[in-house]
Structures are given as structure tokens and as C-alpha cells.
Amino acid sequence: MPARVIKLTLEYDGTNYAGWQLQPDVATVQGVIEEALAKVLGTPTRLHCAGRTDAGVHAAGQVAHFATDHTIPAAAVARALNALLPDDIHILAAEEAPPDFHARYAAAARTYRYRITYVDSVFTRRHAYYVPRPLDVAAMREAAAHLIGEHDFAAFGNASEDYTSTVRRLEELRVDETLDGVELYFTASAFLYKMVRNVVAVLVKVGAGEIPPTLIGELLATRARRALGPPDGDAVWPPAPPHGLTLLRVRYGN
């Protein structure tokens, strides 16, 4: 059994990757880091993360860990990896962790930020969702208030085999107005697959005046996005684009 567990805190621009998780024949964040880690440690090493981000999603405070019996100091791991990694992935810190630490299962909460901009600019196209006209932020806040707390979020999650229950507790859903758009902050211990992006898509409809804020309650009650009135009964409204989403930080402990 490896004697050490090393915790990594890292950031990445997800534009050029098919998400965090290893996949055949495509570049992923996990795959690129594991390739570099194998060179540093001299052996293939599996990396486990706190939150498996989708294709195009970014991270400013992702956490991962690996187990090893190599004697290299933790700080040297960060320096060595950064020398090998491409410019869109950067290790912020590496540190020794307790033997039972697990980046995913030990996490108490994850915070995501979603950026919306009203300005179509080359400087924001990779990191913010362009909406051509200002949104009604007050209406979005009214709608968001219905989602805070513990609810069945089935209407806001895409199908996945990773969970048996669609009940989640949303600690925070903050809607902030910025100089050129809106930023939404989500904090929860866990999210359904594409839950944040689906919530954003609905809140944008509220902000655009397409649906009323009170419809959120109906979505929660019916557990289906049919309340939005798609043209076909089996149609599913698409989530907001991935490039506006960033995993900001992971909280451990209370």
C-alpha cells in the first residue's frame, strides 16, 4: 500500500479538453496530468479529483489527489508537473494529505461560478456566455430563491448512472449583477449531472421574460422540464453552454 497521499490544487482552461475524466482517443485534463505525473514519478499513477468537469468547463480551484510511495517532496511535485504541463493547466499547490484523504469523497462542498456577458468580445468568448440583451436580474433572484435548500432537482439534471437519488441541498445560489453581465454562484455538497448549467438556462429564460419566476416551483414539483413548454413532449431544453462555467473552489471540513 502506498505510504503517501499527495493533494493537488490546480486550475485549468477547459476549452481544449473533452472534460476532466479519462476518455479514449481524446485529450482530457486527467489524461494530460497523469501523463506528466508518470514522468515525474517514473510509474503510471491514477489521479482522483473533487469534481469531474465536462468538456469546455474550467476550474480555478480543482482539487485532486494521488497515492504514491515515491519520496519526492510534495512541493517538488508541483514544480515538476508545471514544467511538463501545457499552458492551460497549472498546479497551484501540492501538499501532503492524511492517508485516508480522498479529493472527491472528503469534500464538504463545491462552489461553481457561471458568467454571462452582454458584450460579444474575443476576450470573453472562451469564459462567458454571451447574451445579446440585458436580463432582469431581480426576476432571476426571485426565481433562484425557490431553489435554495433541499429539493428534488430531477427537472434540472441530465440522466446519469452516478446517482440513485435526485435530491440535493443547494447551500447558495447567488445572482450578482456586474458591469457587463451577470455572475451566478452555486454551492452544494454535490450536484446532478449538468445541474448548474440547466439551472442557468432556466434562469436566463426568467431574466429574458420568457417564463415567470414562479414557474421554478412547478419545475421542482413536476420533476420535469416539460413545464417550460418544449415543442415536443420528449424534448429536453439544452443546458447553458459549458464555457461560462468554472469550478471555483472545493471546501473540506465544516
Protein backbone atom coordinates (compact mmCIF):
# COMPACT_ATOMS: atom_id res chain seq x y z
CA MET A 1 0.00 0.00 0.00
CA PRO A 2 1.45 3.44 -0.94
CA ALA A 3 2.72 5.29 2.11
CA ARG A 4 1.81 8.81 0.99
CA VAL A 5 -1.16 10.74 -0.37
CA ILE A 6 -0.44 13.99 -2.20
CA LYS A 7 -3.18 16.60 -2.57
CA LEU A 8 -3.06 18.90 -5.60
CA THR A 9 -4.88 22.19 -6.06
CA LEU A 10 -4.99 23.22 -9.70
CA GLU A 11 -6.53 25.45 -12.32
CA TYR A 12 -7.22 24.90 -16.00
CA ASP A 13 -8.88 26.32 -19.05
CA GLY A 14 -11.16 23.53 -20.27
CA THR A 15 -11.58 24.84 -23.83
CA ASN A 16 -9.28 22.30 -25.47
CA TYR A 17 -10.33 19.28 -23.41
CA ALA A 18 -13.15 16.73 -23.53
CA GLY A 19 -13.67 17.24 -19.81
CA TRP A 20 -11.71 16.07 -16.78
CA GLN A 21 -12.25 12.31 -16.97
CA LEU A 22 -10.10 9.92 -18.98
CA GLN A 23 -11.59 9.03 -22.37
CA PRO A 24 -10.12 7.07 -25.27
CA ASP A 25 -8.62 8.95 -28.20
CA VAL A 26 -9.35 12.47 -26.89
CA ALA A 27 -7.45 14.91 -24.70
CA THR A 28 -8.74 15.25 -21.14
CA VAL A 29 -7.39 17.16 -18.16
CA GLN A 30 -6.90 13.98 -16.14
CA GLY A 31 -5.14 12.26 -19.02
CA VAL A 32 -2.69 15.12 -19.60
CA ILE A 33 -1.80 15.41 -15.90
CA GLU A 34 -1.45 11.64 -15.44
CA GLU A 35 0.92 11.51 -18.42
CA ALA A 36 3.09 14.20 -16.80
CA LEU A 37 2.82 12.56 -13.38
CA ALA A 38 4.06 9.25 -14.77
CA LYS A 39 7.19 11.03 -15.99
CA VAL A 40 7.75 12.69 -12.61
CA LEU A 41 7.22 9.54 -10.53
CA GLY A 42 8.53 7.02 -13.03
CA THR A 43 5.37 4.92 -12.95
CA PRO A 44 1.71 5.22 -14.06
CA THR A 45 -0.29 6.86 -11.27
CA ARG A 46 -4.05 7.34 -11.03
CA LEU A 47 -5.37 10.81 -10.18
CA HIS A 48 -8.72 11.35 -8.42
CA CYS A 49 -10.50 14.73 -8.49
CA ALA A 50 -13.13 16.50 -6.41
CA GLY A 51 -15.42 17.31 -9.34
CA ARG A 52 -15.37 15.82 -12.85
CA THR A 53 -15.90 18.86 -15.06
CA ASP A 54 -17.49 18.47 -18.51
CA ALA A 55 -15.97 19.35 -21.87
CA GLY A 56 -15.27 23.07 -22.09
CA VAL A 57 -15.77 23.72 -18.36
CA HIS A 58 -12.96 25.47 -16.49
CA ALA A 59 -11.53 25.27 -12.97
CA ALA A 60 -9.88 27.85 -10.75
CA GLY A 61 -9.68 25.64 -7.65
CA GLN A 62 -10.00 21.99 -8.61
CA VAL A 63 -8.62 19.52 -6.06
CA ALA A 64 -7.14 16.11 -6.86
CA HIS A 65 -5.05 13.51 -5.10
CA PHE A 66 -2.82 10.55 -5.84
CA ALA A 67 -1.21 7.84 -3.74
CA THR A 68 2.49 7.05 -4.07
CA ASP A 69 5.44 5.52 -2.28
CA HIS A 70 7.86 7.86 -4.08
CA THR A 71 9.94 10.06 -1.76
CA ILE A 72 9.79 13.25 -3.86
CA PRO A 73 8.75 16.26 -1.71
CA ALA A 74 5.22 17.49 -2.36
CA ALA A 75 6.36 20.99 -3.36
CA ALA A 76 8.73 19.44 -5.91
CA VAL A 77 5.79 17.59 -7.46
CA ALA A 78 4.11 20.90 -8.27
CA ARG A 79 7.28 22.36 -9.79
CA ALA A 80 7.98 19.25 -11.86
CA LEU A 81 4.42 18.96 -13.15
CA ASN A 82 4.24 22.63 -14.11
CA ALA A 83 7.44 22.21 -16.13
CA LEU A 84 5.75 19.47 -18.16
CA LEU A 85 2.14 20.61 -18.40
CA PRO A 86 0.74 22.78 -21.20
CA ASP A 87 -0.03 26.46 -20.60
CA ASP A 88 -3.77 25.83 -19.99
CA ILE A 89 -3.19 23.60 -16.92
CA HIS A 90 -1.36 24.83 -13.81
CA ILE A 91 -0.72 23.23 -10.42
CA LEU A 92 -1.31 25.88 -7.75
CA ALA A 93 -0.14 23.79 -4.78
CA ALA A 94 0.89 20.28 -3.77
CA GLU A 95 0.85 19.10 -0.18
CA GLU A 96 0.92 16.01 1.98
CA ALA A 97 -2.54 14.76 2.96
CA PRO A 98 -3.72 12.18 5.51
CA PRO A 99 -3.59 8.56 4.27
CA ASP A 100 -7.40 8.36 4.16
CA PHE A 101 -7.87 11.63 2.24
CA HIS A 102 -9.95 11.40 -0.92
CA ALA A 103 -10.45 14.52 -3.05
CA ARG A 104 -14.00 13.57 -4.03
CA TYR A 105 -15.43 11.77 -1.02
CA ALA A 106 -13.90 14.03 1.62
CA ALA A 107 -15.25 17.20 0.01
CA ALA A 108 -17.91 19.00 2.04
CA ALA A 109 -18.97 21.43 -0.69
CA ARG A 110 -18.13 22.64 -4.17
CA THR A 111 -18.64 26.17 -5.47
CA TYR A 112 -19.18 26.96 -9.14
CA ARG A 113 -19.42 30.32 -10.89
CA TYR A 114 -21.31 30.88 -14.13
CA ARG A 115 -20.56 34.05 -16.12
CA ILE A 116 -22.97 35.73 -18.52
CA THR A 117 -21.88 38.72 -20.59
CA TYR A 118 -23.77 41.21 -22.73
CA VAL A 119 -20.59 42.08 -24.67
CA ASP A 120 -19.53 39.89 -27.59
CA SER A 121 -15.75 40.06 -27.30
CA VAL A 122 -12.80 37.86 -28.20
CA PHE A 123 -11.67 38.30 -24.58
CA THR A 124 -14.78 36.65 -23.13
CA ARG A 125 -15.84 34.08 -25.72
CA ARG A 126 -13.96 31.23 -24.01
CA HIS A 127 -15.12 32.06 -20.47
CA ALA A 128 -18.58 33.68 -20.55
CA TYR A 129 -21.96 33.02 -22.15
CA TYR A 130 -22.88 35.85 -24.49
CA VAL A 131 -26.49 37.04 -24.15
CA PRO A 132 -27.31 39.91 -26.55
CA ARG A 133 -29.55 41.94 -24.26
CA PRO A 134 -29.64 42.74 -20.52
CA LEU A 135 -31.50 40.32 -18.25
CA ASP A 136 -33.94 41.14 -15.46
CA VAL A 137 -31.67 40.34 -12.50
CA ALA A 138 -34.42 40.95 -9.92
CA ALA A 139 -36.61 38.31 -11.59
CA MET A 140 -33.66 35.90 -11.71
CA ARG A 141 -33.04 36.39 -7.98
CA GLU A 142 -36.72 35.78 -7.25
CA ALA A 143 -36.59 32.53 -9.21
CA ALA A 144 -33.28 31.48 -7.66
CA ALA A 145 -34.71 31.81 -4.15
CA HIS A 146 -37.05 28.89 -4.87
CA LEU A 147 -34.07 26.61 -5.48
CA ILE A 148 -32.07 27.24 -2.31
CA GLY A 149 -32.32 24.43 0.22
CA GLU A 150 -33.08 20.74 -0.18
CA HIS A 151 -35.19 19.80 -3.19
CA ASP A 152 -35.67 17.10 -5.78
CA PHE A 153 -33.75 18.60 -8.71
CA ALA A 154 -34.79 15.94 -11.24
CA ALA A 155 -36.05 18.65 -13.62
CA PHE A 156 -32.58 20.20 -13.64
CA GLY A 157 -30.37 17.14 -14.00
CA ASN A 158 -29.48 15.10 -17.05
CA ALA A 159 -29.65 11.32 -16.77
CA SER A 160 -26.63 9.67 -15.14
CA GLU A 161 -25.76 6.31 -13.61
CA ASP A 162 -23.63 8.02 -10.95
CA TYR A 163 -26.52 8.72 -8.57
CA THR A 164 -29.58 6.91 -7.24
CA SER A 165 -31.36 9.99 -5.87
CA THR A 166 -32.03 13.36 -7.50
CA VAL A 167 -32.45 15.14 -4.15
CA ARG A 168 -29.73 17.71 -3.48
CA ARG A 169 -29.22 20.54 -1.00
CA LEU A 170 -28.22 23.83 -2.60
CA GLU A 171 -26.49 25.92 0.07
CA GLU A 172 -26.06 29.01 -2.09
CA LEU A 173 -27.42 30.37 -5.35
CA ARG A 174 -26.34 33.99 -5.64
CA VAL A 175 -27.11 36.17 -8.66
CA ASP A 176 -24.74 39.14 -8.93
CA GLU A 177 -25.05 41.96 -11.44
CA THR A 178 -21.74 43.02 -13.00
CA LEU A 179 -20.73 45.93 -15.22
CA ASP A 180 -21.27 43.90 -18.39
CA GLY A 181 -23.46 40.97 -17.36
CA VAL A 182 -24.39 38.57 -14.58
CA GLU A 183 -22.47 36.10 -12.41
CA LEU A 184 -24.19 33.21 -10.66
CA TYR A 185 -22.61 31.35 -7.74
CA PHE A 186 -23.67 27.84 -6.74
CA THR A 187 -22.55 25.95 -3.62
CA ALA A 188 -23.61 22.41 -2.69
CA SER A 189 -22.07 19.21 -1.41
CA ALA A 190 -22.94 17.57 -4.72
CA PHE A 191 -24.73 18.36 -7.99
CA LEU A 192 -26.62 16.32 -10.54
CA TYR A 193 -25.09 15.89 -13.99
CA LYS A 194 -25.27 19.28 -15.78
CA MET A 195 -27.46 20.63 -12.95
CA VAL A 196 -25.74 24.03 -12.75
CA ARG A 197 -25.91 24.63 -16.49
CA ASN A 198 -29.58 23.56 -16.60
CA VAL A 199 -30.45 25.93 -13.76
CA VAL A 200 -28.62 28.75 -15.56
CA ALA A 201 -30.54 28.04 -18.78
CA VAL A 202 -33.86 28.34 -16.93
CA LEU A 203 -32.81 31.48 -15.05
CA VAL A 204 -31.79 33.09 -18.35
CA LYS A 205 -35.32 32.38 -19.63
CA VAL A 206 -36.66 34.07 -16.50
CA GLY A 207 -34.33 37.05 -16.96
CA ALA A 208 -35.37 37.36 -20.60
CA GLY A 209 -39.04 37.46 -19.61
CA GLU A 210 -39.86 34.19 -21.38
CA ILE A 211 -41.12 32.44 -18.24
CA PRO A 212 -42.19 33.77 -14.81
CA PRO A 213 -40.06 33.26 -11.69
CA THR A 214 -42.88 31.27 -10.08
CA LEU A 215 -42.52 28.53 -12.70
CA ILE A 216 -39.48 27.27 -10.79
CA GLY A 217 -41.78 25.80 -8.16
CA GLU A 218 -43.68 23.89 -10.84
CA LEU A 219 -40.46 22.52 -12.28
CA LEU A 220 -39.45 21.21 -8.85
CA ALA A 221 -42.90 19.73 -8.22
CA THR A 222 -43.32 18.03 -11.59
CA ARG A 223 -39.66 16.88 -11.69
CA ALA A 224 -39.62 17.55 -15.45
CA ARG A 225 -38.73 20.44 -17.75
CA ARG A 226 -41.99 19.91 -19.65
CA ALA A 227 -43.34 22.83 -17.63
CA LEU A 228 -41.17 25.06 -19.82
CA GLY A 229 -43.36 24.14 -22.76
CA PRO A 230 -40.99 22.49 -25.27
CA PRO A 231 -42.49 21.91 -28.71
CA ASP A 232 -42.26 18.13 -28.34
CA GLY A 233 -43.25 16.23 -25.24
CA ASP A 234 -39.97 14.31 -25.15
CA ALA A 235 -37.78 17.31 -25.91
CA VAL A 236 -35.27 18.43 -23.30
CA TRP A 237 -34.27 22.09 -23.11
CA PRO A 238 -30.50 22.35 -23.63
CA PRO A 239 -28.25 23.45 -20.76
CA ALA A 240 -26.37 26.74 -20.85
CA PRO A 241 -23.05 26.49 -22.76
CA PRO A 242 -20.17 24.92 -20.83
CA HIS A 243 -17.62 27.69 -21.37
CA GLY A 244 -19.36 30.04 -18.91
CA LEU A 245 -18.85 27.59 -16.03
CA THR A 246 -15.88 27.45 -13.66
CA LEU A 247 -15.28 25.25 -10.61
CA LEU A 248 -14.10 27.93 -8.20
CA ARG A 249 -13.22 26.02 -5.05
CA VAL A 250 -13.74 22.86 -3.02
CA ARG A 251 -14.37 23.01 0.72
CA TYR A 252 -13.16 20.38 3.15
CA GLY A 253 -14.38 20.19 6.73
CA ASN A 254 -17.18 22.32 8.13
